[in-house]
Amino acid sequence: MPNNFLRAAVAAGLALSAWPAAAHEAAREATPFLPIENEPAPRLHVDPPLAQPLAARGTAIIRYRVENFRILPIFGASAAAVSPRAGHLHVTIDDLPWHWADAGNTDAIVVAGLPAGPHKILIELATPGHRVIAGETVDFIVPPARADHHPGSREDGAASRSAPPNTKD
């Protein structure tokens, strides 16, 4: 019996010793510390807005996920050479002529105070030089406000403040 146990332990040890080498080899190619040659194309995945905050208070919380791209607060020509690839998001609401850049990497875009009715939000991946490389549009409808909900009120019924309290004595 001890021989069978010893043989099994040796076989398991040999099998496991090959696994770290293969895993280490794969990890070495995906390190954020070395440039990646022939990087795969970046991909953007955008979900529809979460239903509850949209219906309750007209707030669109839109989750997103990126592949082969990092959201970082880096801008300009020198940042374009960063590898693995990095950049930021451009967010446009309802085809307005302006957008904002989001470099926070929070995995969600939050837009509050939308009026009832149809809306669309365009989310785009952009290079540090603001060149758009991928994008998705989310179309949705904000339902009419509930009769018991007033803009600026909190869900728990307590009043909300529009300015911080005066701390001067």
Protein backbone atom coordinates (compact mmCIF):
# COMPACT_ATOMS: atom_id res chain seq x y z
CA MET A 1 0.00 0.00 0.00
CA PRO A 2 2.72 2.58 0.76
CA ASN A 3 4.21 1.92 -2.70
CA ASN A 4 0.86 2.68 -4.40
CA PHE A 5 0.54 5.89 -2.40
CA LEU A 6 4.12 6.87 -3.25
CA ARG A 7 3.57 6.17 -6.97
CA ALA A 8 0.37 8.24 -7.00
CA ALA A 9 2.07 11.14 -5.20
CA VAL A 10 4.99 11.12 -7.63
CA ALA A 11 2.65 10.99 -10.66
CA ALA A 12 0.56 13.87 -9.29
CA GLY A 13 3.68 15.89 -8.57
CA LEU A 14 4.98 15.38 -12.11
CA ALA A 15 1.64 16.38 -13.62
CA LEU A 16 1.39 19.49 -11.46
CA SER A 17 4.97 20.54 -12.14
CA ALA A 18 4.16 20.89 -15.87
CA TRP A 19 1.06 23.04 -15.20
CA PRO A 20 2.81 26.09 -13.65
CA ALA A 21 5.25 26.27 -16.56
CA ALA A 22 2.41 26.37 -19.12
CA ALA A 23 0.43 28.88 -17.05
CA HIS A 24 3.53 31.00 -16.52
CA GLU A 25 4.26 31.01 -20.26
CA ALA A 26 0.71 32.19 -21.08
CA ALA A 27 0.78 34.85 -18.36
CA ARG A 28 4.12 36.18 -19.58
CA GLU A 29 2.57 37.04 -22.94
CA ALA A 30 -0.31 38.99 -21.33
CA THR A 31 1.62 41.15 -18.90
CA PRO A 32 0.75 44.85 -18.64
CA PHE A 33 4.47 45.62 -18.31
CA LEU A 34 5.56 44.66 -21.82
CA PRO A 35 4.27 45.77 -25.22
CA ILE A 36 1.99 43.29 -26.94
CA GLU A 37 2.63 42.67 -30.60
CA ASN A 38 -0.43 42.21 -32.83
CA GLU A 39 -2.92 43.15 -30.13
CA PRO A 40 -6.43 41.85 -30.84
CA ALA A 41 -9.01 44.46 -31.77
CA PRO A 42 -10.64 46.20 -28.80
CA ARG A 43 -14.25 45.30 -28.08
CA LEU A 44 -16.96 47.16 -26.22
CA HIS A 45 -19.99 45.45 -24.69
CA VAL A 46 -22.84 47.67 -23.46
CA ASP A 47 -25.90 46.53 -21.47
CA PRO A 48 -29.31 48.20 -21.45
CA PRO A 49 -29.95 50.55 -18.50
CA LEU A 50 -30.86 48.94 -15.19
CA ALA A 51 -34.66 48.91 -15.02
CA GLN A 52 -35.28 49.89 -11.38
CA PRO A 53 -33.36 53.21 -11.26
CA LEU A 54 -34.68 54.13 -14.70
CA ALA A 55 -38.30 53.64 -13.67
CA ALA A 56 -37.93 54.99 -10.11
CA ARG A 57 -36.04 58.20 -10.79
CA GLY A 58 -35.17 58.58 -14.48
CA THR A 59 -31.55 57.56 -13.91
CA ALA A 60 -29.86 55.50 -16.59
CA ILE A 61 -27.18 53.23 -15.16
CA ILE A 62 -25.57 51.55 -18.15
CA ARG A 63 -22.99 48.85 -17.46
CA TYR A 64 -20.19 48.29 -19.95
CA ARG A 65 -17.26 45.94 -20.37
CA VAL A 66 -14.19 46.24 -22.58
CA GLU A 67 -11.85 43.63 -24.01
CA ASN A 68 -8.30 44.23 -25.24
CA PHE A 69 -8.49 47.82 -24.01
CA ARG A 70 -7.89 49.58 -20.69
CA ILE A 71 -9.81 52.68 -19.57
CA LEU A 72 -7.20 55.04 -18.13
CA PRO A 73 -6.86 58.81 -17.65
CA ILE A 74 -4.14 59.17 -20.28
CA PHE A 75 -4.35 61.59 -23.20
CA GLY A 76 -2.23 62.91 -26.06
CA ALA A 77 0.16 61.61 -28.69
CA SER A 78 2.71 60.09 -26.30
CA ALA A 79 -0.02 58.02 -24.60
CA ALA A 80 -1.01 56.46 -27.95
CA ALA A 81 2.03 54.18 -27.81
CA VAL A 82 0.96 52.58 -24.52
CA SER A 83 0.64 48.80 -24.74
CA PRO A 84 -1.53 47.00 -23.83
CA ARG A 85 -3.84 49.48 -25.56
CA ALA A 86 -5.49 52.14 -23.40
CA GLY A 87 -7.78 55.14 -23.80
CA HIS A 88 -11.11 56.44 -22.55
CA LEU A 89 -14.81 56.57 -23.36
CA HIS A 90 -16.77 59.25 -25.21
CA VAL A 91 -20.39 59.49 -24.07
CA THR A 92 -23.05 61.32 -26.12
CA ILE A 93 -26.71 61.70 -25.09
CA ASP A 94 -29.56 62.04 -27.58
CA ASP A 95 -27.34 63.12 -30.53
CA LEU A 96 -26.37 66.34 -28.76
CA PRO A 97 -23.44 68.15 -30.43
CA TRP A 98 -21.22 67.64 -27.36
CA HIS A 99 -19.98 64.65 -25.41
CA TRP A 100 -17.84 63.99 -22.38
CA ALA A 101 -14.79 61.82 -21.88
CA ASP A 102 -14.95 59.21 -19.14
CA ALA A 103 -11.61 57.80 -17.99
CA GLY A 104 -12.77 56.48 -14.63
CA ASN A 105 -13.05 52.77 -15.49
CA THR A 106 -16.08 52.31 -13.24
CA ASP A 107 -17.76 49.76 -15.54
CA ALA A 108 -20.90 51.92 -15.69
CA ILE A 109 -22.12 55.21 -17.13
CA VAL A 110 -24.65 57.01 -14.91
CA VAL A 111 -26.92 59.73 -16.30
CA ALA A 112 -29.44 61.17 -13.83
CA GLY A 113 -32.43 63.45 -14.27
CA LEU A 114 -33.49 62.31 -17.72
CA PRO A 115 -37.00 63.47 -18.61
CA ALA A 116 -39.67 60.91 -19.48
CA GLY A 117 -39.58 59.72 -23.07
CA PRO A 118 -37.22 58.06 -25.54
CA HIS A 119 -33.46 58.53 -25.22
CA LYS A 120 -30.29 57.13 -26.65
CA ILE A 121 -26.78 57.11 -25.32
CA LEU A 122 -23.76 56.50 -27.54
CA ILE A 123 -20.73 55.03 -25.75
CA GLU A 124 -17.48 54.93 -27.73
CA LEU A 125 -13.96 53.66 -27.09
CA ALA A 126 -11.47 56.38 -27.95
CA THR A 127 -7.69 56.45 -28.17
CA PRO A 128 -5.71 58.93 -26.05
CA GLY A 129 -5.84 61.21 -29.12
CA HIS A 130 -9.67 60.97 -29.19
CA ARG A 131 -9.88 58.74 -32.30
CA VAL A 132 -12.99 56.56 -31.94
CA ILE A 133 -12.26 52.86 -32.49
CA ALA A 134 -15.51 51.18 -31.40
CA GLY A 135 -18.94 52.21 -30.17
CA GLU A 136 -22.43 51.09 -29.22
CA THR A 137 -25.72 52.95 -28.91
CA VAL A 138 -28.30 52.11 -26.25
CA ASP A 139 -31.90 53.13 -26.95
CA PHE A 140 -34.38 53.21 -24.05
CA ILE A 141 -37.49 54.92 -22.73
CA VAL A 142 -37.73 56.68 -19.39
CA PRO A 143 -41.25 56.06 -18.08
CA PRO A 144 -43.36 58.94 -16.76
CA ALA A 145 -42.46 59.95 -13.21
CA ARG A 146 -44.35 58.32 -10.38
CA ALA A 147 -46.85 60.57 -8.64
CA ASP A 148 -45.15 59.93 -5.28
CA HIS A 149 -41.65 60.78 -6.53
CA HIS A 150 -40.40 64.33 -6.81
CA PRO A 151 -37.10 65.33 -8.44
CA GLY A 152 -34.43 65.94 -5.82
CA SER A 153 -36.15 63.80 -3.17
CA ARG A 154 -34.55 60.75 -1.69
CA GLU A 155 -36.04 57.28 -1.92
CA ASP A 156 -36.41 57.13 1.89
CA GLY A 157 -38.51 60.29 1.96
CA ALA A 158 -35.88 62.44 3.67
CA ALA A 159 -35.13 65.78 2.08
CA SER A 160 -31.96 66.02 0.05
CA ARG A 161 -29.62 69.00 0.03
CA SER A 162 -28.57 70.81 -3.09
CA ALA A 163 -25.56 72.41 -1.39
CA PRO A 164 -23.26 71.32 1.42
CA PRO A 165 -24.07 72.69 4.87
CA ASN A 166 -22.41 75.91 5.96
CA THR A 167 -19.50 74.90 8.17
CA LYS A 168 -18.29 78.42 9.02
CA ASP A 169 -18.87 79.54 12.60
